[in-house]
Amino acid sequence: MRRSNILRRVGLSALVALLAAGPLAAYTIYLKDGSTVQAKGKYRIEGTRAYILLPNGTQTFIDAREIDVKRTDAANKSDYGGNAVILQEATPPADGTQTIAPKARLSDVIAKRGAELPGPQRDPVKATPAESVKTKSGNSDFTTIPRRSYEPAEIANEIRQFFLGQGVPEVTVFAGTQPSHPLVQVTVSTESGVFRGLAVGANAILHIRDRFPGKVDAFDLLLVTPANERGGQFVLTPEMASDLVAKKVQLAAFFVENVQF
């Protein structure tokens, strides 16, 4: 089944497609904070860095100390090449006193909250003025905003470097819907990658707020697949990010409440 057909059938680009599709990666790397990174194969250690080949062929690295080696090795003995990837929110690793939350699909979270899955999205169109193109819910469609460099360039570079330092390399920064709203576009290949992109985005805007006071009011955050299919868009403010980082709201619930379609 083609990925585009899955997207139209379920209605959530990238995210819900991966609920029904087969695995895009053959190896799952578990981090000590409970989050995961999908890879084509086992990571390679060089010094203090763990080099990872992402499902789209991009190579990145993280601090090797972040990897839960025991859990990663154990999981991949049984899961290597196994079932499709499903959402797992970052949770602390099991240590005898805590219980890891069960894996949950985004569709299950939406159903429990009584929300509806968004309907099929239209195909991306050529760039036109942002104010003239809206989503079905009446929000600016970030996929159609003309791509212009964000200024000041030092802020755009700082945003890219922050994502890269967190193991999220495919990030581009453009001018957003307002001068104080950089459009941060993150390319993701898996469902867990979408949630990781959102979590890193929350930490990134708090970092930018502290690094450049008064310069950035929000991120226009756009998550897309390598095929440029929509994975969700958000107007992410520092206040919203603070609640997310402080775990006052769970990632899945935050997604459902704030995603713009």
C-alpha atoms as a PDB file:
ATOM      1  CA  MET A   1       0.000   0.000   0.000  1.00  0.00           C
ATOM      2  CA  ARG A   2       1.435   3.382  -0.973  1.00  0.00           C
ATOM      3  CA  ARG A   3       2.123   5.782   1.867  1.00  0.00           C
ATOM      4  CA  SER A   4       0.026   8.520   0.219  1.00  0.00           C
ATOM      5  CA  ASN A   5      -2.988   6.178   0.177  1.00  0.00           C
ATOM      6  CA  ILE A   6      -2.551   5.443   3.878  1.00  0.00           C
ATOM      7  CA  LEU A   7      -2.385   9.162   4.604  1.00  0.00           C
ATOM      8  CA  ARG A   8      -5.641   9.825   2.783  1.00  0.00           C
ATOM      9  CA  ARG A   9      -7.377   6.878   4.429  1.00  0.00           C
ATOM     10  CA  VAL A  10      -6.553   7.825   7.989  1.00  0.00           C
ATOM     11  CA  GLY A  11      -6.142  11.581   7.634  1.00  0.00           C
ATOM     12  CA  LEU A  12      -2.968  12.407   9.596  1.00  0.00           C
ATOM     13  CA  SER A  13       0.009  12.919   7.317  1.00  0.00           C
ATOM     14  CA  ALA A  14       3.132  11.062   8.352  1.00  0.00           C
ATOM     15  CA  LEU A  15       1.916  10.243  11.857  1.00  0.00           C
ATOM     16  CA  VAL A  16      -1.071   8.027  11.273  1.00  0.00           C
ATOM     17  CA  ALA A  17       0.467   6.677   8.092  1.00  0.00           C
ATOM     18  CA  LEU A  18       3.057   5.031  10.260  1.00  0.00           C
ATOM     19  CA  LEU A  19       0.389   3.472  12.432  1.00  0.00           C
ATOM     20  CA  ALA A  20      -0.608   1.278   9.505  1.00  0.00           C
ATOM     21  CA  ALA A  21       2.566   1.044   7.457  1.00  0.00           C
ATOM     22  CA  GLY A  22       5.474  -1.318   7.926  1.00  0.00           C
ATOM     23  CA  PRO A  23       8.679  -0.246   9.698  1.00  0.00           C
ATOM     24  CA  LEU A  24      10.832   2.420   8.098  1.00  0.00           C
ATOM     25  CA  ALA A  25      13.768   1.548  10.306  1.00  0.00           C
ATOM     26  CA  ALA A  26      15.202  -1.749  11.400  1.00  0.00           C
ATOM     27  CA  TYR A  27      16.847  -0.693  14.644  1.00  0.00           C
ATOM     28  CA  THR A  28      15.490   1.206  17.657  1.00  0.00           C
ATOM     29  CA  ILE A  29      17.901   3.076  19.915  1.00  0.00           C
ATOM     30  CA  TYR A  30      16.568   3.724  23.425  1.00  0.00           C
ATOM     31  CA  LEU A  31      17.818   6.791  25.268  1.00  0.00           C
ATOM     32  CA  LYS A  32      18.100   7.087  29.033  1.00  0.00           C
ATOM     33  CA  ASP A  33      15.287   9.665  29.127  1.00  0.00           C
ATOM     34  CA  GLY A  34      12.964   7.021  27.673  1.00  0.00           C
ATOM     35  CA  SER A  35      12.725   8.466  24.163  1.00  0.00           C
ATOM     36  CA  THR A  36      13.782   6.548  21.063  1.00  0.00           C
ATOM     37  CA  VAL A  37      15.698   7.116  17.837  1.00  0.00           C
ATOM     38  CA  GLN A  38      14.977   5.017  14.748  1.00  0.00           C
ATOM     39  CA  ALA A  39      18.012   3.948  12.703  1.00  0.00           C
ATOM     40  CA  LYS A  40      18.913   1.739   9.766  1.00  0.00           C
ATOM     41  CA  GLY A  41      21.238  -0.288  11.930  1.00  0.00           C
ATOM     42  CA  LYS A  42      23.237  -0.300  15.126  1.00  0.00           C
ATOM     43  CA  TYR A  43      25.006   2.920  16.077  1.00  0.00           C
ATOM     44  CA  ARG A  44      28.810   3.276  15.827  1.00  0.00           C
ATOM     45  CA  ILE A  45      30.828   4.549  18.799  1.00  0.00           C
ATOM     46  CA  GLU A  46      33.769   6.865  18.209  1.00  0.00           C
ATOM     47  CA  GLY A  47      35.121   8.468  21.360  1.00  0.00           C
ATOM     48  CA  THR A  48      32.200  10.002  23.256  1.00  0.00           C
ATOM     49  CA  ARG A  49      29.930  10.117  20.214  1.00  0.00           C
ATOM     50  CA  ALA A  50      27.474   7.556  18.919  1.00  0.00           C
ATOM     51  CA  TYR A  51      27.072   7.892  15.148  1.00  0.00           C
ATOM     52  CA  ILE A  52      23.630   6.957  13.820  1.00  0.00           C
ATOM     53  CA  LEU A  53      22.438   6.360  10.263  1.00  0.00           C
ATOM     54  CA  LEU A  54      18.856   7.637  10.080  1.00  0.00           C
ATOM     55  CA  PRO A  55      16.172   5.905   7.959  1.00  0.00           C
ATOM     56  CA  ASN A  56      16.471   8.577   5.227  1.00  0.00           C
ATOM     57  CA  GLY A  57      20.211   7.953   4.891  1.00  0.00           C
ATOM     58  CA  THR A  58      21.359  10.984   6.905  1.00  0.00           C
ATOM     59  CA  GLN A  59      24.132  10.363   9.416  1.00  0.00           C
ATOM     60  CA  THR A  60      23.985  12.154  12.746  1.00  0.00           C
ATOM     61  CA  PHE A  61      25.444  11.658  16.202  1.00  0.00           C
ATOM     62  CA  ILE A  62      24.523  12.006  19.862  1.00  0.00           C
ATOM     63  CA  ASP A  63      26.438  11.776  23.124  1.00  0.00           C
ATOM     64  CA  ALA A  64      27.041   8.060  23.621  1.00  0.00           C
ATOM     65  CA  ARG A  65      26.262   8.452  27.313  1.00  0.00           C
ATOM     66  CA  GLU A  66      22.632   9.210  26.437  1.00  0.00           C
ATOM     67  CA  ILE A  67      22.053   5.690  25.122  1.00  0.00           C
ATOM     68  CA  ASP A  68      20.458   3.048  27.314  1.00  0.00           C
ATOM     69  CA  VAL A  69      22.728   0.315  25.986  1.00  0.00           C
ATOM     70  CA  LYS A  70      21.206  -2.565  27.942  1.00  0.00           C
ATOM     71  CA  ARG A  71      17.653  -1.754  26.927  1.00  0.00           C
ATOM     72  CA  THR A  72      18.643  -1.084  23.301  1.00  0.00           C
ATOM     73  CA  ASP A  73      20.495  -4.382  22.968  1.00  0.00           C
ATOM     74  CA  ALA A  74      17.708  -6.348  24.623  1.00  0.00           C
ATOM     75  CA  ALA A  75      14.944  -4.755  22.551  1.00  0.00           C
ATOM     76  CA  ASN A  76      16.658  -5.224  19.220  1.00  0.00           C
ATOM     77  CA  LYS A  77      17.368  -8.900  19.844  1.00  0.00           C
ATOM     78  CA  SER A  78      13.642  -9.484  19.563  1.00  0.00           C
ATOM     79  CA  ASP A  79      12.392  -6.425  17.668  1.00  0.00           C
ATOM     80  CA  TYR A  80      15.008  -6.099  14.928  1.00  0.00           C
ATOM     81  CA  GLY A  81      13.064  -5.972  11.697  1.00  0.00           C
ATOM     82  CA  GLY A  82       9.843  -6.641  13.580  1.00  0.00           C
ATOM     83  CA  ASN A  83       6.615  -4.743  13.997  1.00  0.00           C
ATOM     84  CA  ALA A  84       5.834  -1.246  12.802  1.00  0.00           C
ATOM     85  CA  VAL A  85       7.003   1.655  14.907  1.00  0.00           C
ATOM     86  CA  ILE A  86       4.330   3.092  17.193  1.00  0.00           C
ATOM     87  CA  LEU A  87       4.310   6.183  19.349  1.00  0.00           C
ATOM     88  CA  GLN A  88       6.129   6.056  22.622  1.00  0.00           C
ATOM     89  CA  GLU A  89       6.300   9.200  24.679  1.00  0.00           C
ATOM     90  CA  ALA A  90       9.553   9.865  26.521  1.00  0.00           C
ATOM     91  CA  THR A  91       9.430   8.246  29.952  1.00  0.00           C
ATOM     92  CA  PRO A  92      12.119   7.484  32.534  1.00  0.00           C
ATOM     93  CA  PRO A  93      13.785   4.075  32.138  1.00  0.00           C
ATOM     94  CA  ALA A  94      12.688   1.258  34.439  1.00  0.00           C
ATOM     95  CA  ASP A  95      14.839   1.086  37.562  1.00  0.00           C
ATOM     96  CA  GLY A  96      12.745  -1.082  39.836  1.00  0.00           C
ATOM     97  CA  THR A  97      10.775   1.833  41.296  1.00  0.00           C
ATOM     98  CA  GLN A  98       9.145   3.259  38.171  1.00  0.00           C
ATOM     99  CA  THR A  99       6.938   1.715  35.543  1.00  0.00           C
ATOM    100  CA  ILE A 100       7.373   2.506  31.883  1.00  0.00           C
ATOM    101  CA  ALA A 101       4.141   3.768  30.373  1.00  0.00           C
ATOM    102  CA  PRO A 102       2.717   1.408  27.745  1.00  0.00           C
ATOM    103  CA  LYS A 103       3.138   2.341  24.098  1.00  0.00           C
ATOM    104  CA  ALA A 104       0.139   4.178  22.704  1.00  0.00           C
ATOM    105  CA  ARG A 105      -0.958   5.028  19.208  1.00  0.00           C
ATOM    106  CA  LEU A 106      -1.901   8.610  18.438  1.00  0.00           C
ATOM    107  CA  SER A 107      -5.274   7.458  17.133  1.00  0.00           C
ATOM    108  CA  ASP A 108      -5.974   5.840  20.522  1.00  0.00           C
ATOM    109  CA  VAL A 109      -5.113   9.082  22.322  1.00  0.00           C
ATOM    110  CA  ILE A 110      -7.433  11.041  20.051  1.00  0.00           C
ATOM    111  CA  ALA A 111     -10.257   8.538  20.555  1.00  0.00           C
ATOM    112  CA  LYS A 112      -9.940   8.685  24.349  1.00  0.00           C
ATOM    113  CA  ARG A 113     -10.123  12.483  24.263  1.00  0.00           C
ATOM    114  CA  GLY A 114     -13.271  12.368  22.135  1.00  0.00           C
ATOM    115  CA  ALA A 115     -11.580  14.243  19.305  1.00  0.00           C
ATOM    116  CA  GLU A 116     -11.924  13.511  15.621  1.00  0.00           C
ATOM    117  CA  LEU A 117      -9.153  12.621  13.253  1.00  0.00           C
ATOM    118  CA  PRO A 118      -8.602  15.497  10.841  1.00  0.00           C
ATOM    119  CA  GLY A 119      -9.866  14.879   7.343  1.00  0.00           C
ATOM    120  CA  PRO A 120      -7.619  14.307   4.326  1.00  0.00           C
ATOM    121  CA  GLN A 121      -5.300  17.207   3.597  1.00  0.00           C
ATOM    122  CA  ARG A 122      -4.961  18.822   0.224  1.00  0.00           C
ATOM    123  CA  ASP A 123      -1.727  18.414  -1.661  1.00  0.00           C
ATOM    124  CA  PRO A 124       0.852  21.194  -1.154  1.00  0.00           C
ATOM    125  CA  VAL A 125       0.493  24.056  -3.625  1.00  0.00           C
ATOM    126  CA  LYS A 126       2.966  26.525  -4.983  1.00  0.00           C
ATOM    127  CA  ALA A 127       4.023  29.291  -2.626  1.00  0.00           C
ATOM    128  CA  THR A 128       1.635  32.252  -2.439  1.00  0.00           C
ATOM    129  CA  PRO A 129       1.301  35.034   0.130  1.00  0.00           C
ATOM    130  CA  ALA A 130       0.819  33.479   3.570  1.00  0.00           C
ATOM    131  CA  GLU A 131      -2.252  35.510   4.396  1.00  0.00           C
ATOM    132  CA  SER A 132      -4.121  34.233   1.318  1.00  0.00           C
ATOM    133  CA  VAL A 133      -3.710  30.507   1.986  1.00  0.00           C
ATOM    134  CA  LYS A 134      -5.469  28.915   4.942  1.00  0.00           C
ATOM    135  CA  THR A 135      -5.936  25.403   6.249  1.00  0.00           C
ATOM    136  CA  LYS A 136      -9.426  23.936   6.586  1.00  0.00           C
ATOM    137  CA  SER A 137      -9.478  25.115  10.194  1.00  0.00           C
ATOM    138  CA  GLY A 138      -8.687  28.693   9.135  1.00  0.00           C
ATOM    139  CA  ASN A 139      -5.019  28.825  10.151  1.00  0.00           C
ATOM    140  CA  SER A 140      -2.171  30.000   7.930  1.00  0.00           C
ATOM    141  CA  ASP A 141      -0.901  27.052   5.916  1.00  0.00           C
ATOM    142  CA  PHE A 142       2.802  26.856   6.723  1.00  0.00           C
ATOM    143  CA  THR A 143       3.484  24.639   3.696  1.00  0.00           C
ATOM    144  CA  THR A 144       2.573  27.521   1.352  1.00  0.00           C
ATOM    145  CA  ILE A 145       4.459  30.378   3.019  1.00  0.00           C
ATOM    146  CA  PRO A 146       7.042  31.790   0.581  1.00  0.00           C
ATOM    147  CA  ARG A 147      10.460  30.512   1.635  1.00  0.00           C
ATOM    148  CA  ARG A 148      12.614  33.483   2.613  1.00  0.00           C
ATOM    149  CA  SER A 149      15.647  33.569   4.877  1.00  0.00           C
ATOM    150  CA  TYR A 150      14.908  34.380   8.493  1.00  0.00           C
ATOM    151  CA  GLU A 151      16.629  37.450   9.912  1.00  0.00           C
ATOM    152  CA  PRO A 152      18.646  37.914  12.014  1.00  0.00           C
ATOM    153  CA  ALA A 153      20.678  35.038  10.607  1.00  0.00           C
ATOM    154  CA  GLU A 154      22.378  34.384  13.953  1.00  0.00           C
ATOM    155  CA  ILE A 155      19.029  33.355  15.452  1.00  0.00           C
ATOM    156  CA  ALA A 156      18.287  31.025  12.536  1.00  0.00           C
ATOM    157  CA  ASN A 157      21.723  29.468  12.901  1.00  0.00           C
ATOM    158  CA  GLU A 158      21.281  29.067  16.656  1.00  0.00           C
ATOM    159  CA  ILE A 159      17.981  27.254  16.099  1.00  0.00           C
ATOM    160  CA  ARG A 160      19.564  24.871  13.585  1.00  0.00           C
ATOM    161  CA  GLN A 161      22.521  24.181  15.865  1.00  0.00           C
ATOM    162  CA  PHE A 162      20.232  23.463  18.825  1.00  0.00           C
ATOM    163  CA  PHE A 163      18.250  20.866  16.875  1.00  0.00           C
ATOM    164  CA  LEU A 164      21.443  19.337  15.515  1.00  0.00           C
ATOM    165  CA  GLY A 165      22.873  19.082  19.022  1.00  0.00           C
ATOM    166  CA  GLN A 166      19.761  17.136  20.040  1.00  0.00           C
ATOM    167  CA  GLY A 167      20.169  14.637  17.211  1.00  0.00           C
ATOM    168  CA  VAL A 168      17.593  16.234  14.890  1.00  0.00           C
ATOM    169  CA  PRO A 169      19.650  17.248  11.840  1.00  0.00           C
ATOM    170  CA  GLU A 170      17.067  17.938   9.141  1.00  0.00           C
ATOM    171  CA  VAL A 171      15.899  21.409  10.143  1.00  0.00           C
ATOM    172  CA  THR A 172      15.534  24.524   8.027  1.00  0.00           C
ATOM    173  CA  VAL A 173      14.570  27.975   9.272  1.00  0.00           C
ATOM    174  CA  PHE A 174      12.641  30.516   7.198  1.00  0.00           C
ATOM    175  CA  ALA A 175      10.745  33.737   7.757  1.00  0.00           C
ATOM    176  CA  GLY A 176       7.380  32.849   9.318  1.00  0.00           C
ATOM    177  CA  THR A 177       3.958  34.445   9.540  1.00  0.00           C
ATOM    178  CA  GLN A 178       5.336  37.328  11.626  1.00  0.00           C
ATOM    179  CA  PRO A 179       8.794  38.922  11.968  1.00  0.00           C
ATOM    180  CA  SER A 180       9.109  37.422  15.463  1.00  0.00           C
ATOM    181  CA  HIS A 181       7.938  33.965  14.303  1.00  0.00           C
ATOM    182  CA  PRO A 182      10.675  31.957  12.578  1.00  0.00           C
ATOM    183  CA  LEU A 183       9.253  29.124  10.503  1.00  0.00           C
ATOM    184  CA  VAL A 184      11.067  26.029  11.774  1.00  0.00           C
ATOM    185  CA  GLN A 185      10.606  23.130   9.360  1.00  0.00           C
ATOM    186  CA  VAL A 186      11.618  19.710  10.692  1.00  0.00           C
ATOM    187  CA  THR A 187      11.799  16.659   8.414  1.00  0.00           C
ATOM    188  CA  VAL A 188      10.790  13.452  10.197  1.00  0.00           C
ATOM    189  CA  SER A 189      10.480   9.862   9.005  1.00  0.00           C
ATOM    190  CA  THR A 190       8.705   8.129  11.891  1.00  0.00           C
ATOM    191  CA  GLU A 191       5.892   8.721  14.319  1.00  0.00           C
ATOM    192  CA  SER A 192       8.288   8.900  17.240  1.00  0.00           C
ATOM    193  CA  GLY A 193      10.368  11.355  15.202  1.00  0.00           C
ATOM    194  CA  VAL A 194       7.401  13.725  15.036  1.00  0.00           C
ATOM    195  CA  PHE A 195       7.086  13.747  18.796  1.00  0.00           C
ATOM    196  CA  ARG A 196      10.810  14.124  19.263  1.00  0.00           C
ATOM    197  CA  GLY A 197      10.786  17.076  16.859  1.00  0.00           C
ATOM    198  CA  LEU A 198       7.994  18.680  18.861  1.00  0.00           C
ATOM    199  CA  ALA A 199       9.791  18.081  22.177  1.00  0.00           C
ATOM    200  CA  VAL A 200      13.092  19.444  20.872  1.00  0.00           C
ATOM    201  CA  GLY A 201      11.207  22.431  19.430  1.00  0.00           C
ATOM    202  CA  ALA A 202       9.823  23.225  22.878  1.00  0.00           C
ATOM    203  CA  ASN A 203      13.304  23.183  24.392  1.00  0.00           C
ATOM    204  CA  ALA A 204      14.675  25.156  21.444  1.00  0.00           C
ATOM    205  CA  ILE A 205      12.304  28.093  21.799  1.00  0.00           C
ATOM    206  CA  LEU A 206      13.084  28.367  25.513  1.00  0.00           C
ATOM    207  CA  HIS A 207      16.788  28.375  24.640  1.00  0.00           C
ATOM    208  CA  ILE A 208      16.244  31.099  22.018  1.00  0.00           C
ATOM    209  CA  ARG A 209      14.148  33.153  24.420  1.00  0.00           C
ATOM    210  CA  ASP A 210      16.993  33.140  26.938  1.00  0.00           C
ATOM    211  CA  ARG A 211      19.720  33.602  24.336  1.00  0.00           C
ATOM    212  CA  PHE A 212      17.968  36.419  22.440  1.00  0.00           C
ATOM    213  CA  PRO A 213      15.521  38.122  24.867  1.00  0.00           C
ATOM    214  CA  GLY A 214      12.557  39.815  23.210  1.00  0.00           C
ATOM    215  CA  LYS A 215      13.454  38.680  19.680  1.00  0.00           C
ATOM    216  CA  VAL A 216      11.261  35.602  19.176  1.00  0.00           C
ATOM    217  CA  ASP A 217       7.636  35.406  20.329  1.00  0.00           C
ATOM    218  CA  ALA A 218       6.852  31.958  18.881  1.00  0.00           C
ATOM    219  CA  PHE A 219       7.954  29.280  16.461  1.00  0.00           C
ATOM    220  CA  ASP A 220       5.835  28.509  13.416  1.00  0.00           C
ATOM    221  CA  LEU A 221       6.742  24.830  13.719  1.00  0.00           C
ATOM    222  CA  LEU A 222       6.123  22.607  10.681  1.00  0.00           C
ATOM    223  CA  LEU A 223       6.738  18.850  10.695  1.00  0.00           C
ATOM    224  CA  VAL A 224       6.944  17.158   7.293  1.00  0.00           C
ATOM    225  CA  THR A 225       7.992  13.800   5.859  1.00  0.00           C
ATOM    226  CA  PRO A 226      10.852  13.451   3.339  1.00  0.00           C
ATOM    227  CA  ALA A 227       8.123  13.439   0.648  1.00  0.00           C
ATOM    228  CA  ASN A 228       6.893  16.832   1.952  1.00  0.00           C
ATOM    229  CA  GLU A 229       3.687  15.367   3.378  1.00  0.00           C
ATOM    230  CA  ARG A 230       2.270  17.205   6.349  1.00  0.00           C
ATOM    231  CA  GLY A 231       3.025  15.802   9.802  1.00  0.00           C
ATOM    232  CA  GLY A 232       1.476  18.654  11.745  1.00  0.00           C
ATOM    233  CA  GLN A 233       2.015  22.365  12.357  1.00  0.00           C
ATOM    234  CA  PHE A 234       2.022  24.406  15.551  1.00  0.00           C
ATOM    235  CA  VAL A 235       2.370  27.988  16.729  1.00  0.00           C
ATOM    236  CA  LEU A 236       4.642  27.200  19.659  1.00  0.00           C
ATOM    237  CA  THR A 237       5.069  29.947  22.257  1.00  0.00           C
ATOM    238  CA  PRO A 238       7.533  29.943  25.167  1.00  0.00           C
ATOM    239  CA  GLU A 239       4.598  29.635  27.579  1.00  0.00           C
ATOM    240  CA  MET A 240       3.300  26.533  25.835  1.00  0.00           C
ATOM    241  CA  ALA A 241       6.824  25.148  25.650  1.00  0.00           C
ATOM    242  CA  SER A 242       7.357  25.694  29.375  1.00  0.00           C
ATOM    243  CA  ASP A 243       4.323  23.552  30.206  1.00  0.00           C
ATOM    244  CA  LEU A 244       5.529  20.843  27.837  1.00  0.00           C
ATOM    245  CA  VAL A 245       9.101  20.828  29.135  1.00  0.00           C
ATOM    246  CA  ALA A 246       7.876  20.850  32.744  1.00  0.00           C
ATOM    247  CA  LYS A 247       5.642  17.870  31.847  1.00  0.00           C
ATOM    248  CA  LYS A 248       2.510  19.690  32.940  1.00  0.00           C
ATOM    249  CA  VAL A 249       1.003  18.244  29.778  1.00  0.00           C
ATOM    250  CA  GLN A 250       1.888  15.016  27.976  1.00  0.00           C
ATOM    251  CA  LEU A 251       3.261  15.147  24.450  1.00  0.00           C
ATOM    252  CA  ALA A 252       0.367  13.203  22.943  1.00  0.00           C
ATOM    253  CA  ALA A 253      -2.241  15.394  24.634  1.00  0.00           C
ATOM    254  CA  PHE A 254      -0.328  18.531  23.629  1.00  0.00           C
ATOM    255  CA  PHE A 255      -0.287  17.363  20.016  1.00  0.00           C
ATOM    256  CA  VAL A 256      -4.024  16.725  19.905  1.00  0.00           C
ATOM    257  CA  GLU A 257      -4.896  20.030  21.596  1.00  0.00           C
ATOM    258  CA  ASN A 258      -2.568  22.286  19.585  1.00  0.00           C
ATOM    259  CA  VAL A 259      -1.958  20.777  16.145  1.00  0.00           C
ATOM    260  CA  GLN A 260      -3.317  22.948  13.331  1.00  0.00           C
ATOM    261  CA  PHE A 261      -4.983  21.317  10.341  1.00  0.00           C
END
